[in-house]
Amino acid sequence: MFTFDESKVAGFRVTCGAKLGLSRWVSEDTGPVLTSGHTKQRALLVLDIAAGHLAAGRVEAAFALATQALDVGLQYRSGRIVERGRALRRSFNTSSPPRVVREFNERMYDVHL
């Protein structure tokens, strides 16, 4: 049996908001999400928060968070986290990406999990 507490509800809200492109849902109540106990699950939620920032046009914040989550994915050799990071990157298309996006690209360049 798992506990269904405030952080679980906030986590599901963030995930749903990211999938639906509702940046307001993603940016609200992130405190309980970021204090969850499981590192890999928290990294996935951080990527959802990054997707919300990206949907709201906050590119710098989105890829700063995505880079932190990617570091966790590489540390734990989690293909799921890395693939979610790739999906976030694919969702952002521009001819001249900002510095933070180029740095994210460099980290992703040689990743094979």
PDB file of N, CA and C in Angstrom:
ATOM      1  N   MET A   1       0.838  -1.155   0.000  1.00  0.00           N
ATOM      2  CA  MET A   1       0.000   0.000   0.000  1.00  0.00           C
ATOM      3  C   MET A   1       0.903   1.244   0.000  1.00  0.00           C
ATOM      4  N   PHE A   2       0.582   2.199  -0.834  1.00  0.00           N
ATOM      5  CA  PHE A   2       1.333   3.445  -0.926  1.00  0.00           C
ATOM      6  C   PHE A   2       0.515   4.584  -0.320  1.00  0.00           C
ATOM      7  N   THR A   3       1.214   5.520   0.281  1.00  0.00           N
ATOM      8  CA  THR A   3       0.510   6.686   0.816  1.00  0.00           C
ATOM      9  C   THR A   3       0.187   7.638  -0.330  1.00  0.00           C
ATOM     10  N   PHE A   4      -0.970   8.220  -0.253  1.00  0.00           N
ATOM     11  CA  PHE A   4      -1.402   9.187  -1.264  1.00  0.00           C
ATOM     12  C   PHE A   4      -1.528  10.525  -0.556  1.00  0.00           C
ATOM     13  N   ASP A   5      -0.432  11.270  -0.553  1.00  0.00           N
ATOM     14  CA  ASP A   5      -0.376  12.508   0.207  1.00  0.00           C
ATOM     15  C   ASP A   5      -0.337  13.722  -0.710  1.00  0.00           C
ATOM     16  N   GLU A   6      -0.084  14.860  -0.116  1.00  0.00           N
ATOM     17  CA  GLU A   6      -0.075  16.128  -0.851  1.00  0.00           C
ATOM     18  C   GLU A   6       0.948  16.138  -1.985  1.00  0.00           C
ATOM     19  N   SER A   7       2.110  15.551  -1.753  1.00  0.00           N
ATOM     20  CA  SER A   7       3.135  15.560  -2.799  1.00  0.00           C
ATOM     21  C   SER A   7       2.733  14.691  -3.987  1.00  0.00           C
ATOM     22  N   LYS A   8       2.026  13.574  -3.738  1.00  0.00           N
ATOM     23  CA  LYS A   8       1.541  12.728  -4.839  1.00  0.00           C
ATOM     24  C   LYS A   8       0.513  13.480  -5.685  1.00  0.00           C
ATOM     25  N   VAL A   9      -0.424  14.154  -5.022  1.00  0.00           N
ATOM     26  CA  VAL A   9      -1.449  14.909  -5.742  1.00  0.00           C
ATOM     27  C   VAL A   9      -0.795  16.002  -6.575  1.00  0.00           C
ATOM     28  N   ALA A  10       0.160  16.726  -5.984  1.00  0.00           N
ATOM     29  CA  ALA A  10       0.861  17.789  -6.704  1.00  0.00           C
ATOM     30  C   ALA A  10       1.644  17.214  -7.884  1.00  0.00           C
ATOM     31  N   GLY A  11       2.250  16.051  -7.692  1.00  0.00           N
ATOM     32  CA  GLY A  11       2.995  15.407  -8.770  1.00  0.00           C
ATOM     33  C   GLY A  11       2.107  15.030  -9.943  1.00  0.00           C
ATOM     34  N   PHE A  12       0.943  14.468  -9.655  1.00  0.00           N
ATOM     35  CA  PHE A  12       0.010  14.115 -10.728  1.00  0.00           C
ATOM     36  C   PHE A  12      -0.501  15.362 -11.438  1.00  0.00           C
ATOM     37  N   ARG A  13      -0.723  16.424 -10.677  1.00  0.00           N
ATOM     38  CA  ARG A  13      -1.182  17.681 -11.280  1.00  0.00           C
ATOM     39  C   ARG A  13      -0.124  18.248 -12.222  1.00  0.00           C
ATOM     40  N   VAL A  14       1.133  18.197 -11.805  1.00  0.00           N
ATOM     41  CA  VAL A  14       2.231  18.689 -12.648  1.00  0.00           C
ATOM     42  C   VAL A  14       2.336  17.842 -13.913  1.00  0.00           C
ATOM     43  N   THR A  15       2.281  16.536 -13.770  1.00  0.00           N
ATOM     44  CA  THR A  15       2.390  15.646 -14.931  1.00  0.00           C
ATOM     45  C   THR A  15       1.249  15.874 -15.914  1.00  0.00           C
ATOM     46  N   CYS A  16       0.024  15.970 -15.400  1.00  0.00           N
ATOM     47  CA  CYS A  16      -1.126  16.222 -16.276  1.00  0.00           C
ATOM     48  C   CYS A  16      -1.020  17.584 -16.952  1.00  0.00           C
ATOM     49  N   GLY A  17      -0.603  18.584 -16.194  1.00  0.00           N
ATOM     50  CA  GLY A  17      -0.435  19.922 -16.764  1.00  0.00           C
ATOM     51  C   GLY A  17       0.602  19.946 -17.863  1.00  0.00           C
ATOM     52  N   ALA A  18       1.700  19.204 -17.677  1.00  0.00           N
ATOM     53  CA  ALA A  18       2.744  19.155 -18.704  1.00  0.00           C
ATOM     54  C   ALA A  18       2.229  18.464 -19.962  1.00  0.00           C
ATOM     55  N   LYS A  19       1.501  17.374 -19.801  1.00  0.00           N
ATOM     56  CA  LYS A  19       0.987  16.643 -20.968  1.00  0.00           C
ATOM     57  C   LYS A  19      -0.085  17.427 -21.712  1.00  0.00           C
ATOM     58  N   LEU A  20      -0.842  18.237 -20.972  1.00  0.00           N
ATOM     59  CA  LEU A  20      -1.903  19.028 -21.597  1.00  0.00           C
ATOM     60  C   LEU A  20      -1.434  20.415 -22.042  1.00  0.00           C
ATOM     61  N   GLY A  21      -0.185  20.763 -21.724  1.00  0.00           N
ATOM     62  CA  GLY A  21       0.344  22.073 -22.095  1.00  0.00           C
ATOM     63  C   GLY A  21      -0.219  23.206 -21.253  1.00  0.00           C
ATOM     64  N   LEU A  22      -0.637  22.903 -20.037  1.00  0.00           N
ATOM     65  CA  LEU A  22      -1.201  23.912 -19.135  1.00  0.00           C
ATOM     66  C   LEU A  22      -0.098  24.396 -18.187  1.00  0.00           C
ATOM     67  N   SER A  23       0.608  25.424 -18.611  1.00  0.00           N
ATOM     68  CA  SER A  23       1.765  25.878 -17.846  1.00  0.00           C
ATOM     69  C   SER A  23       1.389  26.354 -16.452  1.00  0.00           C
ATOM     70  N   ARG A  24       0.173  26.858 -16.289  1.00  0.00           N
ATOM     71  CA  ARG A  24      -0.253  27.324 -14.966  1.00  0.00           C
ATOM     72  C   ARG A  24      -0.302  26.158 -13.976  1.00  0.00           C
ATOM     73  N   TRP A  25      -0.778  25.000 -14.403  1.00  0.00           N
ATOM     74  CA  TRP A  25      -0.829  23.826 -13.536  1.00  0.00           C
ATOM     75  C   TRP A  25       0.570  23.378 -13.145  1.00  0.00           C
ATOM     76  N   VAL A  26       1.490  23.521 -14.079  1.00  0.00           N
ATOM     77  CA  VAL A  26       2.846  23.039 -13.840  1.00  0.00           C
ATOM     78  C   VAL A  26       3.604  23.967 -12.908  1.00  0.00           C
ATOM     79  N   SER A  27       3.382  25.260 -13.019  1.00  0.00           N
ATOM     80  CA  SER A  27       4.155  26.200 -12.218  1.00  0.00           C
ATOM     81  C   SER A  27       3.584  26.403 -10.817  1.00  0.00           C
ATOM     82  N   GLU A  28       2.328  25.999 -10.587  1.00  0.00           N
ATOM     83  CA  GLU A  28       1.733  26.118  -9.256  1.00  0.00           C
ATOM     84  C   GLU A  28       2.115  24.917  -8.399  1.00  0.00           C
ATOM     85  N   ASP A  29       2.265  25.139  -7.122  1.00  0.00           N
ATOM     86  CA  ASP A  29       2.443  24.061  -6.141  1.00  0.00           C
ATOM     87  C   ASP A  29       3.578  23.102  -6.474  1.00  0.00           C
ATOM     88  N   THR A  30       4.727  23.605  -6.881  1.00  0.00           N
ATOM     89  CA  THR A  30       5.844  22.706  -7.178  1.00  0.00           C
ATOM     90  C   THR A  30       6.640  22.360  -5.923  1.00  0.00           C
ATOM     91  N   GLY A  31       6.392  23.055  -4.828  1.00  0.00           N
ATOM     92  CA  GLY A  31       7.104  22.779  -3.584  1.00  0.00           C
ATOM     93  C   GLY A  31       6.988  21.337  -3.125  1.00  0.00           C
ATOM     94  N   PRO A  32       5.762  20.809  -2.978  1.00  0.00           N
ATOM     95  CA  PRO A  32       5.626  19.412  -2.549  1.00  0.00           C
ATOM     96  C   PRO A  32       6.224  18.421  -3.552  1.00  0.00           C
ATOM     97  N   VAL A  33       6.199  18.764  -4.814  1.00  0.00           N
ATOM     98  CA  VAL A  33       6.739  17.870  -5.851  1.00  0.00           C
ATOM     99  C   VAL A  33       8.251  17.724  -5.692  1.00  0.00           C
ATOM    100  N   LEU A  34       8.914  18.819  -5.424  1.00  0.00           N
ATOM    101  CA  LEU A  34      10.369  18.810  -5.350  1.00  0.00           C
ATOM    102  C   LEU A  34      10.901  18.249  -4.040  1.00  0.00           C
ATOM    103  N   THR A  35      10.013  17.870  -3.141  1.00  0.00           N
ATOM    104  CA  THR A  35      10.464  17.280  -1.884  1.00  0.00           C
ATOM    105  C   THR A  35      10.128  15.802  -1.802  1.00  0.00           C
ATOM    106  N   SER A  36       9.713  15.213  -2.912  1.00  0.00           N
ATOM    107  CA  SER A  36       9.393  13.783  -2.891  1.00  0.00           C
ATOM    108  C   SER A  36      10.667  12.990  -2.620  1.00  0.00           C
ATOM    109  N   GLY A  37      10.510  11.788  -2.106  1.00  0.00           N
ATOM    110  CA  GLY A  37      11.639  11.006  -1.631  1.00  0.00           C
ATOM    111  C   GLY A  37      12.454  10.289  -2.683  1.00  0.00           C
ATOM    112  N   HIS A  38      11.894  10.010  -3.836  1.00  0.00           N
ATOM    113  CA  HIS A  38      12.600   9.206  -4.834  1.00  0.00           C
ATOM    114  C   HIS A  38      13.289  10.097  -5.858  1.00  0.00           C
ATOM    115  N   THR A  39      14.574   9.954  -5.980  1.00  0.00           N
ATOM    116  CA  THR A  39      15.382  10.837  -6.817  1.00  0.00           C
ATOM    117  C   THR A  39      14.992  10.740  -8.284  1.00  0.00           C
ATOM    118  N   LYS A  40      14.846   9.526  -8.805  1.00  0.00           N
ATOM    119  CA  LYS A  40      14.520   9.378 -10.220  1.00  0.00           C
ATOM    120  C   LYS A  40      13.117   9.882 -10.528  1.00  0.00           C
ATOM    121  N   GLN A  41      12.169   9.615  -9.645  1.00  0.00           N
ATOM    122  CA  GLN A  41      10.808  10.113  -9.860  1.00  0.00           C
ATOM    123  C   GLN A  41      10.794  11.637  -9.809  1.00  0.00           C
ATOM    124  N   ARG A  42      11.567  12.198  -8.907  1.00  0.00           N
ATOM    125  CA  ARG A  42      11.654  13.660  -8.801  1.00  0.00           C
ATOM    126  C   ARG A  42      12.252  14.246 -10.079  1.00  0.00           C
ATOM    127  N   ALA A  43      13.234  13.582 -10.665  1.00  0.00           N
ATOM    128  CA  ALA A  43      13.831  14.064 -11.918  1.00  0.00           C
ATOM    129  C   ALA A  43      12.807  14.069 -13.046  1.00  0.00           C
ATOM    130  N   LEU A  44      11.958  13.046 -13.095  1.00  0.00           N
ATOM    131  CA  LEU A  44      10.900  13.020 -14.117  1.00  0.00           C
ATOM    132  C   LEU A  44       9.916  14.162 -13.902  1.00  0.00           C
ATOM    133  N   LEU A  45       9.593  14.444 -12.662  1.00  0.00           N
ATOM    134  CA  LEU A  45       8.689  15.556 -12.371  1.00  0.00           C
ATOM    135  C   LEU A  45       9.334  16.895 -12.691  1.00  0.00           C
ATOM    136  N   VAL A  46      10.640  17.004 -12.478  1.00  0.00           N
ATOM    137  CA  VAL A  46      11.350  18.235 -12.837  1.00  0.00           C
ATOM    138  C   VAL A  46      11.288  18.446 -14.347  1.00  0.00           C
ATOM    139  N   LEU A  47      11.367  17.369 -15.111  1.00  0.00           N
ATOM    140  CA  LEU A  47      11.222  17.489 -16.564  1.00  0.00           C
ATOM    141  C   LEU A  47       9.815  17.933 -16.945  1.00  0.00           C
ATOM    142  N   ASP A  48       8.820  17.496 -16.191  1.00  0.00           N
ATOM    143  CA  ASP A  48       7.452  17.972 -16.440  1.00  0.00           C
ATOM    144  C   ASP A  48       7.340  19.467 -16.121  1.00  0.00           C
ATOM    145  N   ILE A  49       7.974  19.883 -15.046  1.00  0.00           N
ATOM    146  CA  ILE A  49       7.983  21.310 -14.706  1.00  0.00           C
ATOM    147  C   ILE A  49       8.698  22.092 -15.798  1.00  0.00           C
ATOM    148  N   ALA A  50       9.796  21.537 -16.311  1.00  0.00           N
ATOM    149  CA  ALA A  50      10.521  22.184 -17.413  1.00  0.00           C
ATOM    150  C   ALA A  50       9.629  22.311 -18.645  1.00  0.00           C
ATOM    151  N   ALA A  51       8.829  21.282 -18.924  1.00  0.00           N
ATOM    152  CA  ALA A  51       7.902  21.342 -20.066  1.00  0.00           C
ATOM    153  C   ALA A  51       6.887  22.457 -19.872  1.00  0.00           C
ATOM    154  N   GLY A  52       6.447  22.655 -18.652  1.00  0.00           N
ATOM    155  CA  GLY A  52       5.520  23.750 -18.357  1.00  0.00           C
ATOM    156  C   GLY A  52       6.160  25.106 -18.571  1.00  0.00           C
ATOM    157  N   HIS A  53       7.405  25.252 -18.144  1.00  0.00           N
ATOM    158  CA  HIS A  53       8.126  26.504 -18.384  1.00  0.00           C
ATOM    159  C   HIS A  53       8.298  26.746 -19.879  1.00  0.00           C
ATOM    160  N   LEU A  54       8.590  25.687 -20.610  1.00  0.00           N
ATOM    161  CA  LEU A  54       8.756  25.819 -22.051  1.00  0.00           C
ATOM    162  C   LEU A  54       7.445  26.225 -22.718  1.00  0.00           C
ATOM    163  N   ALA A  55       6.344  25.643 -22.269  1.00  0.00           N
ATOM    164  CA  ALA A  55       5.033  26.002 -22.819  1.00  0.00           C
ATOM    165  C   ALA A  55       4.686  27.460 -22.534  1.00  0.00           C
ATOM    166  N   ALA A  56       5.203  27.980 -21.417  1.00  0.00           N
ATOM    167  CA  ALA A  56       4.942  29.377 -21.052  1.00  0.00           C
ATOM    168  C   ALA A  56       5.951  30.341 -21.685  1.00  0.00           C
ATOM    169  N   GLY A  57       6.916  29.797 -22.436  1.00  0.00           N
ATOM    170  CA  GLY A  57       7.887  30.647 -23.108  1.00  0.00           C
ATOM    171  C   GLY A  57       9.114  30.984 -22.280  1.00  0.00           C
ATOM    172  N   ARG A  58       9.281  30.325 -21.139  1.00  0.00           N
ATOM    173  CA  ARG A  58      10.452  30.566 -20.281  1.00  0.00           C
ATOM    174  C   ARG A  58      11.525  29.523 -20.606  1.00  0.00           C
ATOM    175  N   VAL A  59      12.212  29.760 -21.716  1.00  0.00           N
ATOM    176  CA  VAL A  59      13.175  28.793 -22.255  1.00  0.00           C
ATOM    177  C   VAL A  59      14.352  28.589 -21.313  1.00  0.00           C
ATOM    178  N   GLU A  60      14.906  29.675 -20.789  1.00  0.00           N
ATOM    179  CA  GLU A  60      16.074  29.570 -19.902  1.00  0.00           C
ATOM    180  C   GLU A  60      15.758  28.705 -18.690  1.00  0.00           C
ATOM    181  N   ALA A  61      14.633  28.975 -18.037  1.00  0.00           N
ATOM    182  CA  ALA A  61      14.241  28.201 -16.854  1.00  0.00           C
ATOM    183  C   ALA A  61      13.978  26.748 -17.216  1.00  0.00           C
ATOM    184  N   ALA A  62      13.341  26.526 -18.357  1.00  0.00           N
ATOM    185  CA  ALA A  62      13.011  25.168 -18.776  1.00  0.00           C
ATOM    186  C   ALA A  62      14.263  24.319 -18.954  1.00  0.00           C
ATOM    187  N   PHE A  63      15.236  24.845 -19.662  1.00  0.00           N
ATOM    188  CA  PHE A  63      16.419  24.027 -19.940  1.00  0.00           C
ATOM    189  C   PHE A  63      17.399  23.991 -18.777  1.00  0.00           C
ATOM    190  N   ALA A  64      17.334  24.966 -17.880  1.00  0.00           N
ATOM    191  CA  ALA A  64      18.131  24.872 -16.656  1.00  0.00           C
ATOM    192  C   ALA A  64      17.617  23.699 -15.811  1.00  0.00           C
ATOM    193  N   LEU A  65      16.297  23.587 -15.678  1.00  0.00           N
ATOM    194  CA  LEU A  65      15.716  22.459 -14.947  1.00  0.00           C
ATOM    195  C   LEU A  65      15.964  21.136 -15.669  1.00  0.00           C
ATOM    196  N   ALA A  66      15.823  21.150 -16.982  1.00  0.00           N
ATOM    197  CA  ALA A  66      16.030  19.926 -17.760  1.00  0.00           C
ATOM    198  C   ALA A  66      17.466  19.425 -17.629  1.00  0.00           C
ATOM    199  N   THR A  67      18.410  20.341 -17.549  1.00  0.00           N
ATOM    200  CA  THR A  67      19.816  19.954 -17.384  1.00  0.00           C
ATOM    201  C   THR A  67      20.034  19.282 -16.034  1.00  0.00           C
ATOM    202  N   GLN A  68      19.414  19.814 -14.986  1.00  0.00           N
ATOM    203  CA  GLN A  68      19.520  19.190 -13.658  1.00  0.00           C
ATOM    204  C   GLN A  68      18.940  17.777 -13.687  1.00  0.00           C
ATOM    205  N   ALA A  69      17.790  17.619 -14.314  1.00  0.00           N
ATOM    206  CA  ALA A  69      17.159  16.303 -14.395  1.00  0.00           C
ATOM    207  C   ALA A  69      18.006  15.347 -15.237  1.00  0.00           C
ATOM    208  N   LEU A  70      18.578  15.848 -16.311  1.00  0.00           N
ATOM    209  CA  LEU A  70      19.431  15.013 -17.155  1.00  0.00           C
ATOM    210  C   LEU A  70      20.648  14.516 -16.382  1.00  0.00           C
ATOM    211  N   ASP A  71      21.215  15.365 -15.537  1.00  0.00           N
ATOM    212  CA  ASP A  71      22.350  14.948 -14.716  1.00  0.00           C
ATOM    213  C   ASP A  71      21.972  13.778 -13.806  1.00  0.00           C
ATOM    214  N   VAL A  72      20.774  13.820 -13.247  1.00  0.00           N
ATOM    215  CA  VAL A  72      20.292  12.708 -12.419  1.00  0.00           C
ATOM    216  C   VAL A  72      20.131  11.463 -13.280  1.00  0.00           C
ATOM    217  N   GLY A  73      19.563  11.626 -14.465  1.00  0.00           N
ATOM    218  CA  GLY A  73      19.386  10.492 -15.367  1.00  0.00           C
ATOM    219  C   GLY A  73      20.700   9.840 -15.747  1.00  0.00           C
ATOM    220  N   LEU A  74      21.713  10.646 -15.976  1.00  0.00           N
ATOM    221  CA  LEU A  74      23.026  10.101 -16.317  1.00  0.00           C
ATOM    222  C   LEU A  74      23.677   9.442 -15.110  1.00  0.00           C
ATOM    223  N   GLN A  75      23.507  10.041 -13.949  1.00  0.00           N
ATOM    224  CA  GLN A  75      24.076   9.480 -12.727  1.00  0.00           C
ATOM    225  C   GLN A  75      23.482   8.102 -12.433  1.00  0.00           C
ATOM    226  N   TYR A  76      22.193   7.958 -12.597  1.00  0.00           N
ATOM    227  CA  TYR A  76      21.513   6.699 -12.317  1.00  0.00           C
ATOM    228  C   TYR A  76      21.379   5.802 -13.552  1.00  0.00           C
ATOM    229  N   ARG A  77      21.915   6.258 -14.669  1.00  0.00           N
ATOM    230  CA  ARG A  77      21.849   5.523 -15.931  1.00  0.00           C
ATOM    231  C   ARG A  77      20.397   5.157 -16.266  1.00  0.00           C
ATOM    232  N   SER A  78      19.541   6.159 -16.183  1.00  0.00           N
ATOM    233  CA  SER A  78      18.111   5.966 -16.422  1.00  0.00           C
ATOM    234  C   SER A  78      17.758   6.376 -17.853  1.00  0.00           C
ATOM    235  N   GLY A  79      17.456   5.399 -18.659  1.00  0.00           N
ATOM    236  CA  GLY A  79      17.053   5.670 -20.025  1.00  0.00           C
ATOM    237  C   GLY A  79      15.738   6.431 -20.101  1.00  0.00           C
ATOM    238  N   ARG A  80      14.873   6.207 -19.135  1.00  0.00           N
ATOM    239  CA  ARG A  80      13.571   6.884 -19.117  1.00  0.00           C
ATOM    240  C   ARG A  80      13.742   8.388 -18.928  1.00  0.00           C
ATOM    241  N   ILE A  81      14.607   8.780 -18.010  1.00  0.00           N
ATOM    242  CA  ILE A  81      14.844  10.205 -17.776  1.00  0.00           C
ATOM    243  C   ILE A  81      15.512  10.836 -18.987  1.00  0.00           C
ATOM    244  N   VAL A  82      16.511  10.164 -19.533  1.00  0.00           N
ATOM    245  CA  VAL A  82      17.232  10.700 -20.689  1.00  0.00           C
ATOM    246  C   VAL A  82      16.289  10.837 -21.878  1.00  0.00           C
ATOM    247  N   GLU A  83      15.450   9.845 -22.099  1.00  0.00           N
ATOM    248  CA  GLU A  83      14.523   9.907 -23.234  1.00  0.00           C
ATOM    249  C   GLU A  83      13.497  11.026 -23.054  1.00  0.00           C
ATOM    250  N   ARG A  84      13.053  11.243 -21.826  1.00  0.00           N
ATOM    251  CA  ARG A  84      12.122  12.351 -21.570  1.00  0.00           C
ATOM    252  C   ARG A  84      12.826  13.682 -21.824  1.00  0.00           C
ATOM    253  N   GLY A  85      14.113  13.775 -21.495  1.00  0.00           N
ATOM    254  CA  GLY A  85      14.887  14.984 -21.802  1.00  0.00           C
ATOM    255  C   GLY A  85      15.000  15.207 -23.302  1.00  0.00           C
ATOM    256  N   ARG A  86      15.213  14.126 -24.034  1.00  0.00           N
ATOM    257  CA  ARG A  86      15.271  14.222 -25.500  1.00  0.00           C
ATOM    258  C   ARG A  86      13.938  14.711 -26.068  1.00  0.00           C
ATOM    259  N   ALA A  87      12.860  14.197 -25.529  1.00  0.00           N
ATOM    260  CA  ALA A  87      11.530  14.608 -26.004  1.00  0.00           C
ATOM    261  C   ALA A  87      11.297  16.091 -25.737  1.00  0.00           C
ATOM    262  N   LEU A  88      11.746  16.561 -24.584  1.00  0.00           N
ATOM    263  CA  LEU A  88      11.618  17.982 -24.277  1.00  0.00           C
ATOM    264  C   LEU A  88      12.418  18.808 -25.278  1.00  0.00           C
ATOM    265  N   ARG A  89      13.609  18.362 -25.582  1.00  0.00           N
ATOM    266  CA  ARG A  89      14.450  19.100 -26.537  1.00  0.00           C
ATOM    267  C   ARG A  89      13.830  19.112 -27.924  1.00  0.00           C
ATOM    268  N   ARG A  90      13.267  17.981 -28.341  1.00  0.00           N
ATOM    269  CA  ARG A  90      12.635  17.915 -29.663  1.00  0.00           C
ATOM    270  C   ARG A  90      11.426  18.838 -29.764  1.00  0.00           C
ATOM    271  N   SER A  91      10.789  19.100 -28.633  1.00  0.00           N
ATOM    272  CA  SER A  91       9.606  19.955 -28.658  1.00  0.00           C
ATOM    273  C   SER A  91       9.947  21.427 -28.827  1.00  0.00           C
ATOM    274  N   PHE A  92      11.215  21.781 -28.692  1.00  0.00           N
ATOM    275  CA  PHE A  92      11.642  23.174 -28.834  1.00  0.00           C
ATOM    276  C   PHE A  92      12.439  23.305 -30.121  1.00  0.00           C
ATOM    277  N   ASN A  93      11.851  23.957 -31.106  1.00  0.00           N
ATOM    278  CA  ASN A  93      12.511  24.132 -32.408  1.00  0.00           C
ATOM    279  C   ASN A  93      12.748  25.605 -32.667  1.00  0.00           C
ATOM    280  N   THR A  94      13.981  25.929 -32.935  1.00  0.00           N
ATOM    281  CA  THR A  94      14.346  27.285 -33.321  1.00  0.00           C
ATOM    282  C   THR A  94      15.637  27.217 -34.129  1.00  0.00           C
ATOM    283  N   SER A  95      15.830  28.181 -34.988  1.00  0.00           N
ATOM    284  CA  SER A  95      17.017  28.167 -35.846  1.00  0.00           C
ATOM    285  C   SER A  95      18.280  28.523 -35.074  1.00  0.00           C
ATOM    286  N   SER A  96      18.174  29.406 -34.095  1.00  0.00           N
ATOM    287  CA  SER A  96      19.351  29.757 -33.297  1.00  0.00           C
ATOM    288  C   SER A  96      18.999  29.627 -31.806  1.00  0.00           C
ATOM    289  N   PRO A  97      19.267  28.453 -31.238  1.00  0.00           N
ATOM    290  CA  PRO A  97      18.892  28.223 -29.840  1.00  0.00           C
ATOM    291  C   PRO A  97      19.735  29.062 -28.878  1.00  0.00           C
ATOM    292  N   PRO A  98      19.172  29.431 -27.730  1.00  0.00           N
ATOM    293  CA  PRO A  98      19.930  30.163 -26.720  1.00  0.00           C
ATOM    294  C   PRO A  98      21.060  29.299 -26.136  1.00  0.00           C
ATOM    295  N   ARG A  99      21.946  29.944 -25.415  1.00  0.00           N
ATOM    296  CA  ARG A  99      23.114  29.270 -24.848  1.00  0.00           C
ATOM    297  C   ARG A  99      22.724  28.065 -23.997  1.00  0.00           C
ATOM    298  N   VAL A 100      21.713  28.207 -23.146  1.00  0.00           N
ATOM    299  CA  VAL A 100      21.329  27.119 -22.251  1.00  0.00           C
ATOM    300  C   VAL A 100      20.852  25.899 -23.038  1.00  0.00           C
ATOM    301  N   VAL A 101      20.225  26.107 -24.174  1.00  0.00           N
ATOM    302  CA  VAL A 101      19.780  24.991 -25.018  1.00  0.00           C
ATOM    303  C   VAL A 101      20.985  24.343 -25.697  1.00  0.00           C
ATOM    304  N   ARG A 102      21.932  25.146 -26.137  1.00  0.00           N
ATOM    305  CA  ARG A 102      23.149  24.579 -26.744  1.00  0.00           C
ATOM    306  C   ARG A 102      23.922  23.747 -25.730  1.00  0.00           C
ATOM    307  N   GLU A 103      23.986  24.201 -24.474  1.00  0.00           N
ATOM    308  CA  GLU A 103      24.654  23.426 -23.427  1.00  0.00           C
ATOM    309  C   GLU A 103      23.923  22.107 -23.178  1.00  0.00           C
ATOM    310  N   PHE A 104      22.604  22.145 -23.186  1.00  0.00           N
ATOM    311  CA  PHE A 104      21.816  20.922 -23.037  1.00  0.00           C
ATOM    312  C   PHE A 104      22.106  19.975 -24.197  1.00  0.00           C
ATOM    313  N   ASN A 105      22.169  20.509 -25.409  1.00  0.00           N
ATOM    314  CA  ASN A 105      22.490  19.691 -26.586  1.00  0.00           C
ATOM    315  C   ASN A 105      23.836  19.013 -26.437  1.00  0.00           C
ATOM    316  N   GLU A 106      24.824  19.738 -25.930  1.00  0.00           N
ATOM    317  CA  GLU A 106      26.174  19.176 -25.765  1.00  0.00           C
ATOM    318  C   GLU A 106      26.154  18.018 -24.778  1.00  0.00           C
ATOM    319  N   ARG A 107      25.391  18.143 -23.703  1.00  0.00           N
ATOM    320  CA  ARG A 107      25.290  17.051 -22.739  1.00  0.00           C
ATOM    321  C   ARG A 107      24.616  15.830 -23.352  1.00  0.00           C
ATOM    322  N   MET A 108      23.638  16.063 -24.217  1.00  0.00           N
ATOM    323  CA  MET A 108      22.902  14.957 -24.824  1.00  0.00           C
ATOM    324  C   MET A 108      23.657  14.302 -25.981  1.00  0.00           C
ATOM    325  N   TYR A 109      24.657  14.977 -26.521  1.00  0.00           N
ATOM    326  CA  TYR A 109      25.297  14.545 -27.748  1.00  0.00           C
ATOM    327  C   TYR A 109      25.841  13.113 -27.681  1.00  0.00           C
ATOM    328  N   ASP A 110      26.542  12.780 -26.630  1.00  0.00           N
ATOM    329  CA  ASP A 110      27.182  11.462 -26.548  1.00  0.00           C
ATOM    330  C   ASP A 110      26.483  10.498 -25.598  1.00  0.00           C
ATOM    331  N   VAL A 111      25.225  10.747 -25.280  1.00  0.00           N
ATOM    332  CA  VAL A 111      24.518   9.888 -24.336  1.00  0.00           C
ATOM    333  C   VAL A 111      23.974   8.669 -25.060  1.00  0.00           C
ATOM    334  N   HIS A 112      24.371   7.502 -24.569  1.00  0.00           N
ATOM    335  CA  HIS A 112      23.861   6.235 -25.089  1.00  0.00           C
ATOM    336  C   HIS A 112      23.548   5.356 -23.890  1.00  0.00           C
ATOM    337  N   LEU A 113      22.281   5.235 -23.560  1.00  0.00           N
ATOM    338  CA  LEU A 113      21.887   4.356 -22.435  1.00  0.00           C
ATOM    339  C   LEU A 113      21.039   3.219 -22.942  1.00  0.00           C
TER     340      LEU A 113
END
